[in-house]
Every structure is written in structure tokens, then in C-alpha cells.
Amino acid sequence: MDTSIIALLGRREEPTDGIEDYCRFLGEALSQRGVALKTVRVGWAEVGWIAALRTLRNQIREWRGAWVVVNYTALSWSRRGFPVGLLFVIATLRRRGLHCAVLFHERGRQVSRARVRDRVRGSVQEWVIRRCFRASERAVFTVPLETIPWLRGHLSKACYIPIGANIPQRIEPRSDSTDANRSRTVVVFCLSAGENRTVEIADLAAAARRVRASVGKVRFVILGKGSAEARADIKTALQGLEAEITVLGMLPAKDVADTLATADVLLYLGGWVTQTRGSALAGIACGLPIVGYSGATREPIHDAGVELAPYRDREALATALIRVLNDAELWRELRRRSTAAQEREFSWTSIADRYVKAFDLGSSVAKGKYGSVVNTERLSHLRN
């Protein structure tokens, strides 16, 4: 067996799969340390659970001696958010005597609405998460362990490894944001779906109108997931605003990084600023100040260059954005903090080093046991 880590994935997310991107960037960083990562997708959504588990049993014969890291989100393992099938996957791995770890991209229930079915769904998700934790040999969380209340007293096999941005790092020397001879650029990367998107566009419109009145020349660039679908609504919400509005839609990761690297600030509208969202970390990876809403829990991302307003307080959000764009000293300080946080906490180099330590891969690398090839395959090629 020449692979040190098998990353096990569930259903593919469309139009982009953040977990697959995560594995690709992690694999590239690990390969620089002589550690190979192989990504395998369990095809339950295409062929059904029975066929997928049968294929899994055949595949894992080749994995002895490797760590199998199961990537958890509720919708990766269930179309409707009841991920009970994942427990059969973990049981299959354990019966074959494999080293099984779970990477929790979600630390708790996905939704907390008042509807009965949502409460039931949330309870099932929490039950599955705790069962997976107990059944695993190692558990990886993407937020600090002290922010997970139910982990108290069960920390021996748990570790914290943050995620990184799913775009290339792009931090380049920049001039001050308050240069009066150029237009400032505010970028919004990714919008949510459904009702949340309507709220986010309203937040954007409120902030944009105040910024235009207080800052002068300014342009707004909206790109990424959900932006193309919201193009008409954005144009309507910002109608009459004397500012350049550009909606780019989905772009390749390199082009996203290039766009963010030339902006002055990332306006984050997808809820509160949290390090579990790649769209927020993309700003950190490009050394940008981030303006957004604060949440109830403090996270390492809040030590980066973030300027936060109380949750869904549009006036406070606009005030924070104006302050960052008009105050050159503040802008430089926030940019410095984002750059430092990227290198210290959220770079793929730092993340790969944490994996080597958490899974004790250093001795195996030193002995030359593992190769350095990053490979991706699917458990099933059959599709409906």
C-alpha cells in the first residue's frame, strides 16, 4: 500500500464541490511532504447503498495500513439530510481493521428551524455525528475544540485542523485603499440560495448606497456561486446607483484569486464571518480586509483582518465598510492581519503540517513508505 491517507467522500455537490476542492489542495500540500492522498467517492447516490457498500468492501482490501478519513457533511451522505447511511460505511471500515478517522466539516445540526421535520432532521444529524465520533479512531474538526460544547471530556482523539481557501493564495504588494485617483473595489464572493439570497442582496444594496455617498468612486464586483442566478435581482436592487456593478458568475479558481487580489475589501454576506466557509477564507488567502457580521462564537479567523458589525445590522455593516475604505491606516492593519493569519493558520502548508502531526505521518515519510502521488477515483462509474 503506497498511500498514506484515503479521503472518503459521499455525494458530489453541484455546481462546485467544496470538499473535493479541499482534498485536491490538501493533497498537493501533502505531496510536498512525501505523503500521498487518494480521494475515493462512495457512489451511493448513483447506484444505491447496497451496491456502493459492496464496491467499498472490494476496494478497501488495498487500503490496509492507510488512514481512511471520512469527510462528513449531512448532505454528502443523504439527499434529505438524514445521513444514517454513513454509519454503515464506518462499520464496514472498522470490520476490515482499517484506521478510520472522520473529518467533520459540520460540527452539529445543519438547520435549526422551528418546523417539526427540521427539528427531527437536526436531532438525527447530531445523533449521527456523535455516533461517528465514538466509532472513529481519530476525529478532525475545522473549528477549535473549545467551541464544541458536546466534546467536553472527550478530547483525547479529537484535533483541530482548519480548512483553507479553495483558490490559490494570492497576496501581492498593494497601494493604500484611500488613493483618491482610483476607484475602490468591493468584492462579494458567493451568494446563498433561496430566501437567504434575497436578504444578502438587500444587505448589499443598503451598504452600496451609503458607501457610494461617503466614499466617492467605487465599483462592486459580485462573483462565485449564486451570483449569475442573482444577476437580475442585483441589477434591480442597485438600480440608480452611480457606481460600476459587475456580476461575473462562476470563474475558475485562478481567476477568482486574480479578481480578489485586485480588490480593496471583501464584503461577506453569507451569515456571520466563520472559518468554516471557504468564501470567507478566500479573502484571507488574498490578504484582503473582510467586512461582515459577527457571530456568537469567537474563532481564529477573527484574529485576521476582519471588521465586524452586529448580525444583520445593515447600518452598522455599511459604517464598517466605509470606515475600512476611508481609513488608510486601518486598511493597512487589516491587510497585515489577514496576511499573517493566512500564513499562520489557513495556508495549505500549515494545514498539511497539522495533518502530518495529527496522523503521525512523519515517521512513515522518513522511511519512504509512502509515495507522493495524488490520485482521484470513484467507487462507481455507473450513473442513473
Protein backbone atom coordinates (compact mmCIF):
# COMPACT_ATOMS: atom_id res chain seq x y z
CA MET A 1 0.00 0.00 0.00
CA ASP A 2 1.69 3.25 -1.14
CA THR A 3 -0.95 5.76 0.01
CA SER A 4 -0.89 7.24 3.49
CA ILE A 5 -4.38 8.83 3.51
CA ILE A 6 -7.59 7.78 1.77
CA ALA A 7 -10.08 10.65 1.72
CA LEU A 8 -13.57 9.15 1.53
CA LEU A 9 -16.27 11.37 0.03
CA GLY A 10 -20.02 10.99 -0.37
CA ARG A 11 -22.34 12.59 -2.91
CA ARG A 12 -20.89 15.25 -5.18
CA GLU A 13 -22.16 18.79 -4.67
CA GLU A 14 -23.11 20.80 -7.74
CA PRO A 15 -22.09 23.08 -9.41
CA THR A 16 -18.89 23.00 -7.33
CA ASP A 17 -17.84 20.54 -4.66
CA GLY A 18 -16.01 22.28 -1.84
CA ILE A 19 -14.92 19.03 -0.18
CA GLU A 20 -13.40 17.70 -3.40
CA ASP A 21 -11.56 21.01 -3.82
CA TYR A 22 -10.41 20.74 -0.20
CA CYS A 23 -8.95 17.29 -0.85
CA ARG A 24 -7.21 18.47 -4.01
CA PHE A 25 -5.47 21.40 -2.29
CA LEU A 26 -4.63 19.28 0.75
CA GLY A 27 -3.26 16.51 -1.44
CA GLU A 28 -0.99 18.92 -3.29
CA ALA A 29 0.38 20.28 0.01
CA LEU A 30 0.86 16.80 1.49
CA SER A 31 2.69 15.59 -1.62
CA GLN A 32 5.36 18.20 -0.90
CA ARG A 33 5.95 16.34 2.37
CA GLY A 34 6.18 12.91 0.75
CA VAL A 35 2.65 11.96 1.80
CA ALA A 36 0.13 10.78 -0.78
CA LEU A 37 -3.60 11.41 -0.57
CA LYS A 38 -6.07 9.40 -2.62
CA THR A 39 -9.65 10.61 -2.96
CA VAL A 40 -12.37 7.98 -3.28
CA ARG A 41 -16.05 8.77 -3.71
CA VAL A 42 -18.74 6.40 -2.43
CA GLY A 43 -21.31 6.27 -5.22
CA TRP A 44 -24.44 5.69 -3.12
CA ALA A 45 -26.32 8.48 -4.90
CA GLU A 46 -25.74 6.83 -8.31
CA VAL A 47 -26.03 3.09 -7.63
CA GLY A 48 -27.75 2.90 -4.24
CA TRP A 49 -26.41 1.98 -0.83
CA ILE A 50 -26.21 -1.80 -1.26
CA ALA A 51 -24.14 -1.64 -4.44
CA ALA A 52 -21.97 1.18 -3.07
CA LEU A 53 -21.16 -0.74 0.13
CA ARG A 54 -20.38 -3.88 -1.87
CA THR A 55 -17.93 -1.91 -4.02
CA LEU A 56 -16.44 -0.34 -0.91
CA ARG A 57 -15.78 -3.77 0.62
CA ASN A 58 -13.90 -4.77 -2.52
CA GLN A 59 -11.86 -1.58 -2.63
CA ILE A 60 -10.69 -1.49 0.96
CA ARG A 61 -8.68 -4.68 0.53
CA GLU A 62 -5.99 -2.43 -0.95
CA TRP A 63 -6.05 0.14 1.88
CA ARG A 64 -4.54 -1.79 4.78
CA GLY A 65 -2.03 0.34 6.67
CA ALA A 66 -3.51 3.64 5.46
CA TRP A 67 -5.64 6.15 7.31
CA VAL A 68 -9.16 6.41 5.88
CA VAL A 69 -10.54 9.89 6.53
CA VAL A 70 -14.31 10.05 6.06
CA ASN A 71 -15.46 13.57 5.12
CA TYR A 72 -18.75 14.42 6.83
CA THR A 73 -21.48 16.82 5.87
CA ALA A 74 -25.12 15.83 6.24
CA LEU A 75 -25.95 16.23 2.54
CA SER A 76 -22.87 14.30 1.41
CA TRP A 77 -24.43 11.16 2.83
CA SER A 78 -28.16 11.82 2.41
CA ARG A 79 -30.22 13.75 -0.13
CA ARG A 80 -32.58 14.97 2.59
CA GLY A 81 -30.12 15.43 5.43
CA PHE A 82 -30.62 12.12 7.28
CA PRO A 83 -27.05 10.73 6.97
CA VAL A 84 -27.62 7.38 8.69
CA GLY A 85 -26.01 5.51 5.79
CA LEU A 86 -22.62 6.88 6.82
CA LEU A 87 -22.71 4.66 9.92
CA PHE A 88 -22.71 1.58 7.66
CA VAL A 89 -19.68 2.98 5.82
CA ILE A 90 -17.75 3.41 9.06
CA ALA A 91 -18.83 -0.03 10.31
CA THR A 92 -17.52 -1.55 7.06
CA LEU A 93 -14.15 0.15 7.52
CA ARG A 94 -13.86 -0.93 11.14
CA ARG A 95 -14.73 -4.56 10.40
CA ARG A 96 -11.77 -4.64 7.99
CA GLY A 97 -9.47 -3.33 10.72
CA LEU A 98 -8.64 -0.03 9.00
CA HIS A 99 -7.52 3.16 10.71
CA CYS A 100 -10.73 5.21 10.48
CA ALA A 101 -10.92 8.96 11.07
CA VAL A 102 -13.80 11.36 10.48
CA LEU A 103 -13.32 14.91 9.28
CA PHE A 104 -16.34 16.90 10.48
CA HIS A 105 -16.96 19.77 8.06
CA GLU A 106 -20.11 20.34 10.14
CA ARG A 107 -19.86 20.16 13.93
CA GLY A 108 -23.60 19.97 14.61
CA ARG A 109 -27.05 20.08 13.07
CA GLN A 110 -27.31 21.76 9.71
CA VAL A 111 -30.54 23.70 10.38
CA SER A 112 -32.32 24.93 13.49
CA ARG A 113 -35.75 25.95 12.18
CA ALA A 114 -38.88 25.55 14.24
CA ARG A 115 -40.66 23.10 11.92
CA VAL A 116 -41.09 19.62 13.35
CA ARG A 117 -39.40 17.87 10.42
CA ASP A 118 -36.40 20.19 10.71
CA ARG A 119 -36.11 19.51 14.42
CA VAL A 120 -36.22 15.77 13.74
CA ARG A 121 -33.66 16.13 10.94
CA GLY A 122 -31.38 18.14 13.21
CA SER A 123 -31.67 15.59 16.01
CA VAL A 124 -30.77 12.76 13.63
CA GLN A 125 -27.76 14.70 12.36
CA GLU A 126 -26.49 15.30 15.90
CA TRP A 127 -27.02 11.62 16.75
CA VAL A 128 -25.08 10.52 13.65
CA ILE A 129 -22.24 12.97 14.36
CA ARG A 130 -21.79 11.63 17.89
CA ARG A 131 -22.00 8.01 16.76
CA CYS A 132 -19.38 8.70 14.10
CA PHE A 133 -17.18 10.38 16.68
CA ARG A 134 -17.38 7.40 19.03
CA ALA A 135 -16.72 4.91 16.22
CA SER A 136 -13.70 6.74 14.82
CA GLU A 137 -10.08 6.30 15.83
CA ARG A 138 -9.38 9.98 15.18
CA ALA A 139 -11.76 12.95 14.80
CA VAL A 140 -10.83 16.16 12.99
CA PHE A 141 -12.81 19.37 13.47
CA THR A 142 -12.44 22.53 11.41
CA VAL A 143 -13.10 24.84 14.39
CA PRO A 144 -11.32 24.97 17.77
CA LEU A 145 -12.41 22.16 20.06
CA GLU A 146 -13.45 24.52 22.85
CA THR A 147 -16.24 25.86 20.60
CA ILE A 148 -17.93 22.42 20.50
CA PRO A 149 -19.86 22.00 23.79
CA TRP A 150 -20.67 18.30 23.42
CA LEU A 151 -16.95 17.43 23.14
CA ARG A 152 -16.20 18.26 26.76
CA GLY A 153 -14.46 15.35 28.43
CA HIS A 154 -13.87 13.52 25.11
CA LEU A 155 -10.85 15.34 23.68
CA SER A 156 -8.22 12.59 23.61
CA LYS A 157 -8.81 11.58 19.98
CA ALA A 158 -10.09 14.93 18.69
CA CYS A 159 -7.95 17.53 16.95
CA TYR A 160 -8.48 20.91 15.36
CA ILE A 161 -7.30 21.44 11.78
CA PRO A 162 -8.76 24.45 9.95
CA ILE A 163 -9.78 24.38 6.31
CA GLY A 164 -8.14 26.59 3.71
CA ALA A 165 -9.44 28.55 0.77
CA ASN A 166 -10.33 26.62 -2.38
CA ILE A 167 -8.44 29.11 -4.52
CA PRO A 168 -4.70 29.71 -4.97
CA GLN A 169 -3.09 32.02 -2.43
CA ARG A 170 -2.53 35.45 -3.99
CA ILE A 171 -1.00 38.08 -1.70
CA GLU A 172 0.81 40.84 -3.54
CA PRO A 173 2.08 44.34 -2.63
CA ARG A 174 -0.70 46.91 -2.78
CA SER A 175 -1.09 50.68 -2.58
CA ASP A 176 -3.31 52.33 0.03
CA SER A 177 -7.05 51.85 -0.32
CA THR A 178 -7.66 55.61 0.01
CA ASP A 179 -5.81 56.68 -3.13
CA ALA A 180 -8.19 59.36 -4.43
CA ASN A 181 -7.13 58.87 -8.04
CA ARG A 182 -8.67 55.45 -8.43
CA SER A 183 -11.97 53.73 -7.84
CA ARG A 184 -12.14 51.45 -4.82
CA THR A 185 -13.33 47.89 -5.43
CA VAL A 186 -15.65 45.97 -3.11
CA VAL A 187 -15.98 42.28 -3.93
CA VAL A 188 -18.75 39.89 -2.88
CA PHE A 189 -17.76 36.25 -3.32
CA CYS A 190 -20.67 33.77 -3.42
CA LEU A 191 -24.32 34.25 -2.54
CA SER A 192 -26.58 31.80 -0.74
CA ALA A 193 -29.64 30.09 -2.19
CA GLY A 194 -33.34 30.73 -1.61
CA GLU A 195 -34.57 33.25 0.93
CA ASN A 196 -31.06 33.92 2.25
CA ARG A 197 -30.00 35.25 -1.14
CA THR A 198 -32.79 37.84 -1.04
CA VAL A 199 -31.59 39.03 2.37
CA GLU A 200 -27.96 39.19 1.20
CA ILE A 201 -28.86 41.26 -1.88
CA ALA A 202 -30.81 43.67 0.33
CA ASP A 203 -27.77 43.96 2.64
CA LEU A 204 -25.56 44.63 -0.37
CA ALA A 205 -27.90 47.33 -1.71
CA ALA A 206 -28.12 49.12 1.64
CA ALA A 207 -24.36 49.11 2.09
CA ALA A 208 -23.65 50.10 -1.51
CA ARG A 209 -25.83 53.20 -1.39
CA ARG A 210 -24.21 54.50 1.79
CA VAL A 211 -20.72 53.70 0.53
CA ARG A 212 -21.33 55.50 -2.75
CA ALA A 213 -22.42 58.61 -0.88
CA SER A 214 -19.47 58.58 1.54
CA VAL A 215 -16.51 57.14 -0.32
CA GLY A 216 -16.69 58.50 -3.85
CA LYS A 217 -15.67 56.38 -6.82
CA VAL A 218 -16.41 52.75 -6.05
CA ARG A 219 -17.15 49.59 -8.01
CA PHE A 220 -18.84 46.41 -6.83
CA VAL A 221 -17.86 43.01 -8.20
CA ILE A 222 -20.06 40.02 -7.42
CA LEU A 223 -18.82 36.57 -8.42
CA GLY A 224 -18.92 32.92 -7.49
CA LYS A 225 -21.71 30.55 -6.58
CA GLY A 226 -25.20 32.05 -6.85
CA SER A 227 -24.07 35.31 -8.47
CA ALA A 228 -25.13 34.51 -12.03
CA GLU A 229 -28.56 33.35 -10.87
CA ALA A 230 -28.97 36.59 -8.91
CA ARG A 231 -27.84 38.90 -11.73
CA ALA A 232 -31.29 40.37 -12.46
CA ASP A 233 -32.12 40.83 -8.77
CA ILE A 234 -28.79 42.55 -8.14
CA LYS A 235 -29.30 44.95 -11.03
CA THR A 236 -32.79 45.77 -9.74
CA ALA A 237 -31.64 46.29 -6.14
CA LEU A 238 -28.78 48.58 -7.22
CA GLN A 239 -30.73 50.44 -9.88
CA GLY A 240 -29.88 54.13 -9.94
CA LEU A 241 -26.65 53.69 -8.02
CA GLU A 242 -23.91 55.72 -9.67
CA ALA A 243 -21.31 53.01 -9.41
CA GLU A 244 -19.93 50.28 -11.62
CA ILE A 245 -21.66 46.95 -10.94
CA THR A 246 -20.08 43.79 -12.37
CA VAL A 247 -21.55 40.30 -11.97
CA LEU A 248 -19.05 37.66 -13.11
CA GLY A 249 -20.75 34.40 -12.18
CA MET A 250 -18.67 31.23 -11.74
CA LEU A 251 -14.98 31.52 -12.60
CA PRO A 252 -12.01 29.14 -12.47
CA ALA A 253 -10.18 29.22 -9.13
CA LYS A 254 -7.20 31.09 -10.58
CA ASP A 255 -9.45 33.82 -11.99
CA VAL A 256 -11.24 34.14 -8.66
CA ALA A 257 -7.90 34.64 -6.93
CA ASP A 258 -6.84 37.22 -9.53
CA THR A 259 -10.09 39.14 -9.07
CA LEU A 260 -9.90 39.13 -5.27
CA ALA A 261 -6.22 40.11 -5.25
CA THR A 262 -7.02 43.38 -7.04
CA ALA A 263 -9.96 44.30 -4.78
CA ASP A 264 -9.79 46.54 -1.70
CA VAL A 265 -12.17 44.69 0.59
CA LEU A 266 -14.29 41.54 0.69
CA LEU A 267 -17.87 42.17 1.79
CA TYR A 268 -19.03 38.89 3.31
CA LEU A 269 -22.82 38.48 3.35
CA GLY A 270 -23.32 34.72 3.86
CA GLY A 271 -24.36 34.90 7.51
CA TRP A 272 -21.70 35.71 10.09
CA VAL A 273 -17.99 35.52 9.31
CA THR A 274 -16.82 32.00 10.12
CA GLN A 275 -13.78 29.97 9.14
CA THR A 276 -15.91 27.05 8.00
CA ARG A 277 -16.91 28.98 4.87
CA GLY A 278 -14.44 28.89 2.01
CA SER A 279 -15.85 32.11 0.57
CA ALA A 280 -14.65 33.98 3.67
CA LEU A 281 -11.27 32.23 3.67
CA ALA A 282 -10.80 33.21 0.03
CA GLY A 283 -10.47 36.81 1.17
CA ILE A 284 -7.85 35.82 3.76
CA ALA A 285 -5.91 33.90 1.09
CA CYS A 286 -5.69 37.11 -0.94
CA GLY A 287 -4.76 39.28 2.03
CA LEU A 288 -8.00 41.24 1.96
CA PRO A 289 -9.72 43.08 4.79
CA ILE A 290 -13.12 41.46 5.37
CA VAL A 291 -16.26 43.30 6.41
CA GLY A 292 -19.18 41.21 7.64
CA TYR A 293 -21.38 40.21 10.53
CA SER A 294 -20.22 38.84 13.86
CA GLY A 295 -21.42 35.56 15.33
CA ALA A 296 -21.82 34.24 18.86
CA THR A 297 -18.55 32.25 18.90
CA ARG A 298 -15.05 33.63 18.54
CA GLU A 299 -12.82 31.79 16.07
CA PRO A 300 -9.21 32.19 14.87
CA ILE A 301 -10.46 33.89 11.70
CA HIS A 302 -11.48 36.83 13.90
CA ASP A 303 -7.78 37.49 14.55
CA ALA A 304 -7.40 38.15 10.82
CA GLY A 305 -8.25 41.46 9.18
CA VAL A 306 -11.98 41.43 9.86
CA GLU A 307 -14.21 44.38 10.69
CA LEU A 308 -17.49 43.08 12.10
CA ALA A 309 -20.97 44.51 12.62
CA PRO A 310 -23.77 43.08 14.79
CA TYR A 311 -25.62 40.35 12.93
CA ARG A 312 -27.89 41.70 10.17
CA ASP A 313 -27.44 45.32 11.27
CA ARG A 314 -27.23 46.85 7.80
CA GLU A 315 -26.42 50.34 9.04
CA ALA A 316 -23.54 49.07 11.13
CA LEU A 317 -22.34 46.93 8.20
CA ALA A 318 -22.27 49.95 5.89
CA THR A 319 -20.50 52.05 8.54
CA ALA A 320 -17.81 49.36 8.92
CA LEU A 321 -17.31 49.17 5.14
CA ILE A 322 -16.99 52.95 4.86
CA ARG A 323 -14.51 53.01 7.72
CA VAL A 324 -12.26 50.41 6.07
CA LEU A 325 -12.34 52.15 2.69
CA ASN A 326 -11.69 55.65 4.09
CA ASP A 327 -9.14 54.92 6.83
CA ALA A 328 -5.78 54.12 5.21
CA GLU A 329 -4.13 53.13 8.48
CA LEU A 330 -6.96 50.74 9.38
CA TRP A 331 -6.92 49.27 5.87
CA ARG A 332 -3.18 48.56 6.10
CA GLU A 333 -3.55 46.99 9.55
CA LEU A 334 -6.40 44.72 8.46
CA ARG A 335 -4.47 43.65 5.39
CA ARG A 336 -1.42 42.88 7.53
CA ARG A 337 -3.54 40.78 9.89
CA SER A 338 -5.16 38.85 7.03
CA THR A 339 -1.76 38.09 5.54
CA ALA A 340 -0.41 36.91 8.90
CA ALA A 341 -3.48 34.74 9.58
CA GLN A 342 -3.17 33.13 6.17
CA GLU A 343 0.44 32.12 6.79
CA ARG A 344 -0.11 31.06 10.40
CA GLU A 345 -3.50 29.35 10.31
CA PHE A 346 -5.11 28.93 6.90
CA SER A 347 -2.38 28.25 4.35
CA TRP A 348 -2.36 24.73 2.91
CA THR A 349 1.25 24.44 4.03
CA SER A 350 0.23 24.95 7.64
CA ILE A 351 -2.78 22.63 7.27
CA ALA A 352 -0.65 19.85 5.76
CA ASP A 353 1.82 20.14 8.63
CA ARG A 354 -1.05 19.66 11.10
CA TYR A 355 -2.15 16.51 9.28
CA VAL A 356 1.35 15.06 9.39
CA LYS A 357 1.45 15.66 13.13
CA ALA A 358 -2.13 14.58 13.91
CA PHE A 359 -1.83 11.28 11.99
CA ASP A 360 1.80 10.66 12.94
CA LEU A 361 2.87 10.52 9.30
CA GLY A 362 6.35 11.92 9.82
CA SER A 363 7.99 8.58 10.63
CA SER A 364 6.38 6.90 7.63
CA VAL A 365 7.56 9.67 5.33
CA ALA A 366 11.08 9.46 6.73
CA LYS A 367 11.17 5.73 5.99
CA GLY A 368 9.94 6.30 2.44
CA LYS A 369 6.92 4.06 2.97
CA TYR A 370 4.50 6.26 1.07
CA GLY A 371 4.58 7.73 -2.38
CA SER A 372 3.74 11.30 -3.33
CA VAL A 373 1.11 10.82 -6.00
CA VAL A 374 -2.28 12.46 -5.54
CA ASN A 375 -4.95 10.36 -7.23
CA THR A 376 -8.71 10.68 -7.57
CA GLU A 377 -11.12 7.86 -8.39
CA ARG A 378 -14.76 7.00 -7.92
CA LEU A 379 -16.06 3.87 -6.29
CA SER A 380 -18.64 3.54 -9.03
CA HIS A 381 -18.70 4.73 -12.64
CA LEU A 382 -22.37 3.91 -13.08
CA ARG A 383 -24.77 6.82 -13.20
CA ASN A 384 -28.55 6.96 -13.46
